[in-house]
C-alpha atoms as a PDB file:
ATOM      1  CA  MET A   1      -0.115  -0.072   0.256  1.00  0.00           C
ATOM      2  CA  GLN A   2       2.454   2.220   1.002  1.00  0.00           C
ATOM      3  CA  ARG A   3       4.522   1.709  -1.902  1.00  0.00           C
ATOM      4  CA  MET A   4       1.487   2.742  -4.455  1.00  0.00           C
ATOM      5  CA  LEU A   5       1.135   5.379  -2.085  1.00  0.00           C
ATOM      6  CA  ASP A   6       4.627   6.295  -3.497  1.00  0.00           C
ATOM      7  CA  GLU A   7       4.275   5.788  -7.019  1.00  0.00           C
ATOM      8  CA  SER A   8       1.299   7.909  -7.263  1.00  0.00           C
ATOM      9  CA  ARG A   9       2.793  11.329  -5.494  1.00  0.00           C
ATOM     10  CA  SER A  10       5.731  10.640  -7.908  1.00  0.00           C
ATOM     11  CA  ARG A  11       3.265  10.845 -11.225  1.00  0.00           C
ATOM     12  CA  ALA A  12       1.835  14.122  -9.771  1.00  0.00           C
ATOM     13  CA  TRP A  13       2.180  17.115 -11.119  1.00  0.00           C
ATOM     14  CA  PRO A  14       4.289  20.024  -9.011  1.00  0.00           C
ATOM     15  CA  ALA A  15       2.603  22.386  -6.781  1.00  0.00           C
ATOM     16  CA  ASP A  16       4.145  25.324  -8.794  1.00  0.00           C
ATOM     17  CA  VAL A  17       3.377  24.141 -12.467  1.00  0.00           C
ATOM     18  CA  THR A  18      -0.297  23.239 -11.288  1.00  0.00           C
ATOM     19  CA  THR A  19       0.154  27.204  -9.741  1.00  0.00           C
ATOM     20  CA  SER A  20       1.020  28.228 -12.854  1.00  0.00           C
ATOM     21  CA  ALA A  21      -1.705  26.629 -15.721  1.00  0.00           C
ATOM     22  CA  PHE A  22      -4.241  28.048 -13.336  1.00  0.00           C
ATOM     23  CA  ARG A  23      -2.397  31.268 -13.539  1.00  0.00           C
ATOM     24  CA  ILE A  24      -2.239  31.046 -16.963  1.00  0.00           C
ATOM     25  CA  VAL A  25      -6.062  30.382 -17.793  1.00  0.00           C
ATOM     26  CA  PHE A  26      -6.929  32.798 -15.180  1.00  0.00           C
ATOM     27  CA  PHE A  27      -5.032  35.026 -17.490  1.00  0.00           C
ATOM     28  CA  ILE A  28      -6.894  33.700 -20.540  1.00  0.00           C
ATOM     29  CA  THR A  29     -10.428  33.738 -19.117  1.00  0.00           C
ATOM     30  CA  VAL A  30      -9.823  37.806 -18.117  1.00  0.00           C
ATOM     31  CA  GLY A  31      -8.596  38.685 -21.426  1.00  0.00           C
ATOM     32  CA  VAL A  32     -12.051  36.711 -23.115  1.00  0.00           C
ATOM     33  CA  GLY A  33     -13.762  38.566 -20.400  1.00  0.00           C
ATOM     34  CA  GLY A  34     -12.748  41.696 -22.216  1.00  0.00           C
ATOM     35  CA  ILE A  35     -14.689  40.665 -25.516  1.00  0.00           C
ATOM     36  CA  VAL A  36     -18.068  40.873 -24.107  1.00  0.00           C
ATOM     37  CA  PHE A  37     -19.050  44.273 -25.228  1.00  0.00           C
ATOM     38  CA  TRP A  38     -18.244  43.549 -28.169  1.00  0.00           C
ATOM     39  CA  LEU A  39     -19.879  41.060 -28.801  1.00  0.00           C
ATOM     40  CA  ALA A  40     -23.401  42.556 -29.439  1.00  0.00           C
ATOM     41  CA  PRO A  41     -23.043  45.657 -31.164  1.00  0.00           C
ATOM     42  CA  HIS A  42     -24.674  47.407 -27.909  1.00  0.00           C
ATOM     43  CA  PRO A  43     -24.174  45.585 -24.841  1.00  0.00           C
ATOM     44  CA  PRO A  44     -27.336  44.866 -22.638  1.00  0.00           C
ATOM     45  CA  MET A  45     -26.940  47.659 -19.851  1.00  0.00           C
ATOM     46  CA  ASN A  46     -30.254  48.460 -18.912  1.00  0.00           C
ATOM     47  CA  ASP A  47     -29.069  51.946 -18.595  1.00  0.00           C
ATOM     48  CA  LEU A  48     -26.345  52.854 -21.287  1.00  0.00           C
ATOM     49  CA  PRO A  49     -28.369  54.557 -23.864  1.00  0.00           C
ATOM     50  CA  GLN A  50     -29.121  57.616 -21.049  1.00  0.00           C
ATOM     51  CA  HIS A  51     -25.335  57.656 -21.280  1.00  0.00           C
ATOM     52  CA  ALA A  52     -24.780  57.171 -24.682  1.00  0.00           C
ATOM     53  CA  ALA A  53     -26.861  59.834 -24.994  1.00  0.00           C
ATOM     54  CA  GLN A  54     -25.701  62.441 -22.532  1.00  0.00           C
ATOM     55  CA  VAL A  55     -22.589  61.845 -23.758  1.00  0.00           C
ATOM     56  CA  ALA A  56     -23.341  62.671 -27.726  1.00  0.00           C
ATOM     57  CA  THR A  57     -24.997  66.426 -26.045  1.00  0.00           C
ATOM     58  CA  LEU A  58     -21.844  66.390 -24.806  1.00  0.00           C
ATOM     59  CA  HIS A  59     -20.511  66.477 -27.700  1.00  0.00           C
ATOM     60  CA  ASP A  60     -22.427  68.160 -29.647  1.00  0.00           C
ATOM     61  CA  LEU A  61     -22.512  71.378 -26.607  1.00  0.00           C
ATOM     62  CA  LEU A  62     -18.269  71.081 -27.006  1.00  0.00           C
ATOM     63  CA  LEU A  63     -18.374  71.733 -30.833  1.00  0.00           C
ATOM     64  CA  GLY A  64     -21.265  73.923 -30.323  1.00  0.00           C
ATOM     65  CA  GLN A  65     -23.264  72.319 -32.266  1.00  0.00           C
ATOM     66  CA  SER A  66     -26.372  71.414 -29.740  1.00  0.00           C
ATOM     67  CA  PRO A  67     -29.959  72.359 -30.990  1.00  0.00           C
ATOM     68  CA  TRP A  68     -29.955  72.518 -27.275  1.00  0.00           C
ATOM     69  CA  ASP A  69     -27.562  74.858 -25.801  1.00  0.00           C
ATOM     70  CA  ARG A  70     -29.900  77.701 -24.874  1.00  0.00           C
ATOM     71  CA  LEU A  71     -31.605  74.901 -22.433  1.00  0.00           C
ATOM     72  CA  LEU A  72     -28.864  73.238 -21.465  1.00  0.00           C
ATOM     73  CA  ARG A  73     -24.881  73.724 -19.334  1.00  0.00           C
ATOM     74  CA  ILE A  74     -22.077  71.794 -18.176  1.00  0.00           C
ATOM     75  CA  ASN A  75     -22.148  71.109 -14.795  1.00  0.00           C
ATOM     76  CA  LEU A  76     -18.456  70.958 -14.334  1.00  0.00           C
ATOM     77  CA  PHE A  77     -18.732  70.034 -10.348  1.00  0.00           C
ATOM     78  CA  THR A  78     -20.159  66.698 -10.480  1.00  0.00           C
ATOM     79  CA  PRO A  79     -19.549  63.873  -9.029  1.00  0.00           C
ATOM     80  CA  TYR A  80     -20.130  61.789 -12.475  1.00  0.00           C
ATOM     81  CA  LEU A  81     -18.561  63.768 -14.960  1.00  0.00           C
ATOM     82  CA  LEU A  82     -15.303  61.598 -15.240  1.00  0.00           C
ATOM     83  CA  GLY A  83     -16.226  58.926 -17.298  1.00  0.00           C
ATOM     84  CA  TYR A  84     -18.363  61.125 -19.489  1.00  0.00           C
ATOM     85  CA  VAL A  85     -15.340  63.820 -20.826  1.00  0.00           C
ATOM     86  CA  LEU A  86     -13.708  60.314 -20.994  1.00  0.00           C
ATOM     87  CA  ALA A  87     -16.182  58.816 -23.755  1.00  0.00           C
ATOM     88  CA  ALA A  88     -16.498  62.483 -25.016  1.00  0.00           C
ATOM     89  CA  ALA A  89     -12.845  62.528 -25.764  1.00  0.00           C
ATOM     90  CA  LEU A  90     -12.969  59.457 -27.136  1.00  0.00           C
ATOM     91  CA  SER A  91     -16.333  59.887 -29.349  1.00  0.00           C
ATOM     92  CA  PHE A  92     -14.068  62.325 -31.319  1.00  0.00           C
ATOM     93  CA  VAL A  93     -12.343  59.402 -33.027  1.00  0.00           C
ATOM     94  CA  MET A  94     -14.762  56.357 -32.733  1.00  0.00           C
ATOM     95  CA  PRO A  95     -18.469  56.468 -32.643  1.00  0.00           C
ATOM     96  CA  VAL A  96     -20.549  56.849 -28.862  1.00  0.00           C
ATOM     97  CA  ALA A  97     -20.981  53.568 -28.414  1.00  0.00           C
ATOM     98  CA  ALA A  98     -17.458  52.397 -29.017  1.00  0.00           C
ATOM     99  CA  ALA A  99     -15.901  54.969 -27.130  1.00  0.00           C
ATOM    100  CA  LEU A 100     -18.336  53.288 -24.324  1.00  0.00           C
ATOM    101  CA  LYS A 101     -16.723  49.762 -24.987  1.00  0.00           C
ATOM    102  CA  VAL A 102     -13.247  50.584 -24.468  1.00  0.00           C
ATOM    103  CA  LEU A 103     -13.998  52.414 -21.113  1.00  0.00           C
ATOM    104  CA  LEU A 104     -16.292  49.624 -20.231  1.00  0.00           C
ATOM    105  CA  THR A 105     -12.833  47.226 -21.822  1.00  0.00           C
ATOM    106  CA  LEU A 106     -10.527  49.095 -19.948  1.00  0.00           C
ATOM    107  CA  SER A 107     -12.890  49.778 -16.817  1.00  0.00           C
ATOM    108  CA  PHE A 108     -13.083  45.692 -16.554  1.00  0.00           C
ATOM    109  CA  TYR A 109      -9.457  44.658 -17.075  1.00  0.00           C
ATOM    110  CA  GLY A 110      -8.647  48.012 -14.838  1.00  0.00           C
ATOM    111  CA  PHE A 111     -10.983  46.340 -11.614  1.00  0.00           C
ATOM    112  CA  VAL A 112      -9.313  42.821 -12.238  1.00  0.00           C
ATOM    113  CA  ALA A 113      -5.880  44.152 -11.573  1.00  0.00           C
ATOM    114  CA  ALA A 114      -7.062  46.690  -8.863  1.00  0.00           C
ATOM    115  CA  TYR A 115      -8.784  43.793  -7.152  1.00  0.00           C
ATOM    116  CA  VAL A 116      -5.870  41.651  -7.628  1.00  0.00           C
ATOM    117  CA  ALA A 117      -3.716  43.901  -6.077  1.00  0.00           C
ATOM    118  CA  LEU A 118      -6.447  44.574  -3.166  1.00  0.00           C
ATOM    119  CA  ARG A 119      -5.760  40.534  -2.371  1.00  0.00           C
ATOM    120  CA  LYS A 120      -1.875  41.034  -2.464  1.00  0.00           C
ATOM    121  CA  HIS A 121      -2.038  43.587  -0.302  1.00  0.00           C
ATOM    122  CA  PHE A 122      -4.204  41.801   2.689  1.00  0.00           C
ATOM    123  CA  GLY A 123      -2.048  38.528   1.705  1.00  0.00           C
ATOM    124  CA  GLY A 124      -5.223  36.711   0.187  1.00  0.00           C
ATOM    125  CA  ASP A 125      -5.444  33.191  -1.371  1.00  0.00           C
ATOM    126  CA  GLU A 126      -4.656  33.538  -5.185  1.00  0.00           C
ATOM    127  CA  ARG A 127      -8.066  31.213  -5.528  1.00  0.00           C
ATOM    128  CA  LEU A 128     -10.301  34.146  -4.924  1.00  0.00           C
ATOM    129  CA  ASP A 129      -9.023  36.002  -7.961  1.00  0.00           C
ATOM    130  CA  TRP A 130     -11.569  34.018  -9.803  1.00  0.00           C
ATOM    131  CA  LEU A 131     -13.969  35.888  -7.738  1.00  0.00           C
ATOM    132  CA  CYS A 132     -13.750  38.929  -9.925  1.00  0.00           C
ATOM    133  CA  VAL A 133     -14.634  38.181 -12.823  1.00  0.00           C
ATOM    134  CA  PRO A 134     -18.036  37.286 -12.904  1.00  0.00           C
ATOM    135  CA  GLY A 135     -18.394  40.299  -9.469  1.00  0.00           C
ATOM    136  CA  PHE A 136     -17.832  42.492 -12.608  1.00  0.00           C
ATOM    137  CA  PHE A 137     -21.018  41.759 -13.892  1.00  0.00           C
ATOM    138  CA  GLY A 138     -22.942  41.950 -11.378  1.00  0.00           C
ATOM    139  CA  PHE A 139     -25.836  44.099 -10.960  1.00  0.00           C
ATOM    140  CA  ALA A 140     -24.536  47.496 -12.049  1.00  0.00           C
ATOM    141  CA  TYR A 141     -23.513  45.557 -15.484  1.00  0.00           C
ATOM    142  CA  ALA A 142     -27.239  44.737 -15.720  1.00  0.00           C
ATOM    143  CA  TYR A 143     -28.692  47.557 -14.543  1.00  0.00           C
ATOM    144  CA  GLY A 144     -26.070  49.833 -16.587  1.00  0.00           C
ATOM    145  CA  PHE A 145     -24.156  52.151 -13.631  1.00  0.00           C
ATOM    146  CA  PHE A 146     -21.770  53.326 -16.402  1.00  0.00           C
ATOM    147  CA  SER A 147     -19.904  55.998 -13.344  1.00  0.00           C
ATOM    148  CA  TYR A 148     -20.023  52.842 -11.158  1.00  0.00           C
ATOM    149  CA  LEU A 149     -18.639  50.634 -13.141  1.00  0.00           C
ATOM    150  CA  VAL A 150     -15.363  52.965 -14.063  1.00  0.00           C
ATOM    151  CA  ALA A 151     -14.932  53.833 -10.214  1.00  0.00           C
ATOM    152  CA  ALA A 152     -15.295  50.699  -9.387  1.00  0.00           C
ATOM    153  CA  PRO A 153     -11.332  50.099 -10.041  1.00  0.00           C
ATOM    154  CA  ILE A 154     -10.456  53.392  -9.192  1.00  0.00           C
ATOM    155  CA  GLY A 155     -11.874  52.866  -5.942  1.00  0.00           C
ATOM    156  CA  MET A 156     -10.202  49.488  -5.159  1.00  0.00           C
ATOM    157  CA  PHE A 157      -7.006  51.161  -6.591  1.00  0.00           C
ATOM    158  CA  LEU A 158      -7.250  53.498  -3.712  1.00  0.00           C
ATOM    159  CA  LEU A 159      -8.167  51.489  -1.036  1.00  0.00           C
ATOM    160  CA  VAL A 160      -4.468  49.620  -1.542  1.00  0.00           C
ATOM    161  CA  THR A 161      -3.173  53.619  -1.314  1.00  0.00           C
ATOM    162  CA  ALA A 162      -4.720  54.551   1.487  1.00  0.00           C
ATOM    163  CA  ARG A 163      -3.879  51.810   3.127  1.00  0.00           C
ATOM    164  CA  ASP A 164      -0.024  52.162   2.555  1.00  0.00           C
ATOM    165  CA  TYR A 165       0.035  55.932   3.511  1.00  0.00           C
ATOM    166  CA  ALA A 166      -2.110  55.043   6.772  1.00  0.00           C
ATOM    167  CA  GLU A 167       0.878  52.477   7.405  1.00  0.00           C
ATOM    168  CA  GLN A 168       3.696  54.214   5.726  1.00  0.00           C
ATOM    169  CA  PRO A 169       2.930  58.203   5.332  1.00  0.00           C
ATOM    170  CA  SER A 170       5.609  59.950   2.417  1.00  0.00           C
ATOM    171  CA  ALA A 171       4.772  62.986   0.517  1.00  0.00           C
ATOM    172  CA  ARG A 172       4.263  60.983  -2.822  1.00  0.00           C
ATOM    173  CA  ARG A 173       2.440  58.450  -1.026  1.00  0.00           C
ATOM    174  CA  GLY A 174      -0.285  61.586   0.252  1.00  0.00           C
ATOM    175  CA  THR A 175       0.282  62.839  -3.740  1.00  0.00           C
ATOM    176  CA  VAL A 176      -1.042  59.493  -5.444  1.00  0.00           C
ATOM    177  CA  LEU A 177      -3.634  59.294  -2.853  1.00  0.00           C
ATOM    178  CA  LEU A 178      -4.674  62.635  -3.060  1.00  0.00           C
ATOM    179  CA  LEU A 179      -4.791  62.576  -6.384  1.00  0.00           C
ATOM    180  CA  ALA A 180      -7.436  59.755  -6.583  1.00  0.00           C
ATOM    181  CA  ASN A 181      -9.919  61.109  -4.042  1.00  0.00           C
ATOM    182  CA  ILE A 182     -10.201  64.091  -6.472  1.00  0.00           C
ATOM    183  CA  ALA A 183     -10.811  61.699  -9.747  1.00  0.00           C
ATOM    184  CA  LEU A 184     -12.628  59.111  -7.431  1.00  0.00           C
ATOM    185  CA  PHE A 185     -15.022  62.128  -6.063  1.00  0.00           C
ATOM    186  CA  PHE A 186     -15.737  63.408 -10.088  1.00  0.00           C
ATOM    187  CA  CYS A 187     -16.601  58.945 -11.261  1.00  0.00           C
ATOM    188  CA  HIS A 188     -19.245  58.744  -8.520  1.00  0.00           C
ATOM    189  CA  GLY A 189     -20.127  60.626  -5.643  1.00  0.00           C
ATOM    190  CA  LEU A 190     -21.670  57.379  -3.950  1.00  0.00           C
ATOM    191  CA  MET A 191     -18.621  55.695  -4.411  1.00  0.00           C
ATOM    192  CA  TRP A 192     -16.270  58.157  -2.878  1.00  0.00           C
ATOM    193  CA  ARG A 193     -18.837  58.118   0.711  1.00  0.00           C
ATOM    194  CA  PHE A 194     -17.930  54.501   0.321  1.00  0.00           C
ATOM    195  CA  GLU A 195     -14.343  54.628   0.250  1.00  0.00           C
ATOM    196  CA  ALA A 196     -13.975  57.410   2.847  1.00  0.00           C
ATOM    197  CA  PHE A 197     -15.769  55.121   5.121  1.00  0.00           C
ATOM    198  CA  MET A 198     -13.674  52.347   4.442  1.00  0.00           C
ATOM    199  CA  ARG A 199     -10.559  54.240   4.892  1.00  0.00           C
ATOM    200  CA  CYS A 200     -11.537  56.017   7.983  1.00  0.00           C
ATOM    201  CA  ARG A 201     -12.017  52.107   9.284  1.00  0.00           C
ATOM    202  CA  ILE A 202      -8.767  51.735   7.794  1.00  0.00           C
ATOM    203  CA  ALA A 203      -7.043  54.360   9.617  1.00  0.00           C
ATOM    204  CA  ARG A 204      -8.210  53.309  12.742  1.00  0.00           C
ATOM    205  CA  SER A 205      -7.710  49.883  12.451  1.00  0.00           C
ATOM    206  CA  ILE A 206      -4.035  50.821  12.388  1.00  0.00           C
ATOM    207  CA  SER A 207      -4.454  53.750  15.107  1.00  0.00           C
ATOM    208  CA  ARG A 208      -5.169  51.510  17.038  1.00  0.00           C
ATOM    209  CA  ARG A 209      -3.216  48.754  16.501  1.00  0.00           C
ATOM    210  CA  CYS A 210      -0.311  51.505  17.550  1.00  0.00           C
ATOM    211  CA  ILE A 211      -1.702  52.734  20.396  1.00  0.00           C
ATOM    212  CA  ARG A 212      -1.675  48.880  21.923  1.00  0.00           C
ATOM    213  CA  SER A 213       1.848  48.036  20.560  1.00  0.00           C
ATOM    214  CA  ALA A 214       2.686  51.824  22.332  1.00  0.00           C
ATOM    215  CA  CYS A 215       0.991  50.785  25.641  1.00  0.00           C
ATOM    216  CA  CYS A 216       2.843  47.396  26.165  1.00  0.00           C
ATOM    217  CA  GLY A 217       6.275  49.007  25.656  1.00  0.00           C
ATOM    218  CA  THR A 218       5.648  51.745  27.625  1.00  0.00           C
ATOM    219  CA  ARG A 219       4.556  49.672  30.798  1.00  0.00           C
ATOM    220  CA  ARG A 220       7.426  47.709  29.666  1.00  0.00           C
ATOM    221  CA  ARG A 221       9.762  50.542  30.370  1.00  0.00           C
ATOM    222  CA  GLY A 222       7.253  51.881  33.664  1.00  0.00           C
ATOM    223  CA  CYS A 223       5.647  55.186  31.714  1.00  0.00           C
ATOM    224  CA  GLY A 224       2.667  54.205  31.847  1.00  0.00           C
ATOM    225  CA  SER A 225       1.067  57.280  33.424  1.00  0.00           C
ATOM    226  CA  PHE A 226       2.730  58.872  30.767  1.00  0.00           C
ATOM    227  CA  ALA A 227       1.634  56.874  27.588  1.00  0.00           C
ATOM    228  CA  ARG A 228      -2.439  56.879  28.824  1.00  0.00           C
ATOM    229  CA  SER A 229      -1.924  60.928  29.125  1.00  0.00           C
ATOM    230  CA  SER A 230       0.031  60.541  25.490  1.00  0.00           C
ATOM    231  CA  ILE A 231      -2.852  58.250  23.771  1.00  0.00           C
ATOM    232  CA  ARG A 232      -5.646  60.591  25.263  1.00  0.00           C
ATOM    233  CA  GLY A 233      -3.997  63.517  24.002  1.00  0.00           C
ATOM    234  CA  GLU A 234      -3.987  61.763  20.807  1.00  0.00           C
ATOM    235  CA  LEU A 235      -7.085  59.766  20.006  1.00  0.00           C
ATOM    236  CA  ALA A 236      -8.739  63.425  21.353  1.00  0.00           C
ATOM    237  CA  ARG A 237      -7.088  64.785  17.920  1.00  0.00           C
ATOM    238  CA  ARG A 238      -7.912  61.630  16.329  1.00  0.00           C
ATOM    239  CA  ARG A 239     -11.811  62.924  17.058  1.00  0.00           C
ATOM    240  CA  GLY A 240     -11.483  66.157  16.344  1.00  0.00           C
ATOM    241  CA  TRP A 241     -10.294  65.099  12.379  1.00  0.00           C
ATOM    242  CA  ARG A 242     -12.622  62.961  11.680  1.00  0.00           C
ATOM    243  CA  ARG A 243     -15.507  65.361  12.881  1.00  0.00           C
ATOM    244  CA  GLN A 244     -13.574  68.068   9.635  1.00  0.00           C
ATOM    245  CA  ALA A 245     -13.785  64.892   7.929  1.00  0.00           C
ATOM    246  CA  ARG A 246     -17.641  64.466   8.085  1.00  0.00           C
ATOM    247  CA  CYS A 247     -18.742  67.947   7.797  1.00  0.00           C
ATOM    248  CA  SER A 248     -15.885  68.117   4.214  1.00  0.00           C
ATOM    249  CA  MET A 249     -17.992  65.258   3.407  1.00  0.00           C
ATOM    250  CA  ARG A 250     -21.732  66.768   3.606  1.00  0.00           C
ATOM    251  CA  ARG A 251     -20.203  69.885   2.071  1.00  0.00           C
ATOM    252  CA  LEU A 252     -19.439  68.435  -0.397  1.00  0.00           C
ATOM    253  CA  SER A 253     -22.355  66.013  -0.967  1.00  0.00           C
ATOM    254  CA  SER A 254     -25.007  69.533  -0.133  1.00  0.00           C
ATOM    255  CA  TRP A 255     -22.627  70.781  -3.081  1.00  0.00           C
ATOM    256  CA  ALA A 256     -22.918  67.541  -5.699  1.00  0.00           C
ATOM    257  CA  ARG A 257     -26.154  67.170  -4.925  1.00  0.00           C
ATOM    258  CA  ASP A 258     -27.028  70.798  -6.184  1.00  0.00           C
END
């Protein structure tokens, strides 16, 4: 019996070969997934005609050829601006339907890349990467939430950047985090608010972990009272920052609604 088990183990594929084969299949699946948007003249998304109409209207307004120029105006301070601006820029070199398909394809590939980066950042299993392929084609795709699909990869990339900045602050990471925040706000307001909540949770968990480690270190050195007072002051400052962040979010949300 032991001899049969040894022979079966010797005939089994090495673990690295199996992992490489699965990764190759995954990349092929992702590559083929980007072709889904081009199989039909118009993707089966409910609200996509509305988005196409807004892109076409924006295109005509920029050229000064719109028959509705006396009734319409371009609102630059809107949380749905980025997707429409990119689609309108592409509409100068291709039809509006093709421009939307290009952005959806790039959003799908960016969604997968951001998901894999987020999974690696938290040390997750590689097999979880398969969940992001059908995840892109969920209710947001069925209902045609174009701006939401464009914002999804930016939001996940923002989570990775926020955690890196919370753990090791630097000017470069802070600049990238600020630019990604601005891009996400002008891409989708609801996604921006959700990401702001998640970033606060990440910063809070990291600060608690640092405080616990500081308490343990100061107890060993016999400086517990001083450490507790310092920690109380730090927590009070962080509460003030959170209040300011909530007020800023409320103001930006009211401006976006107006």
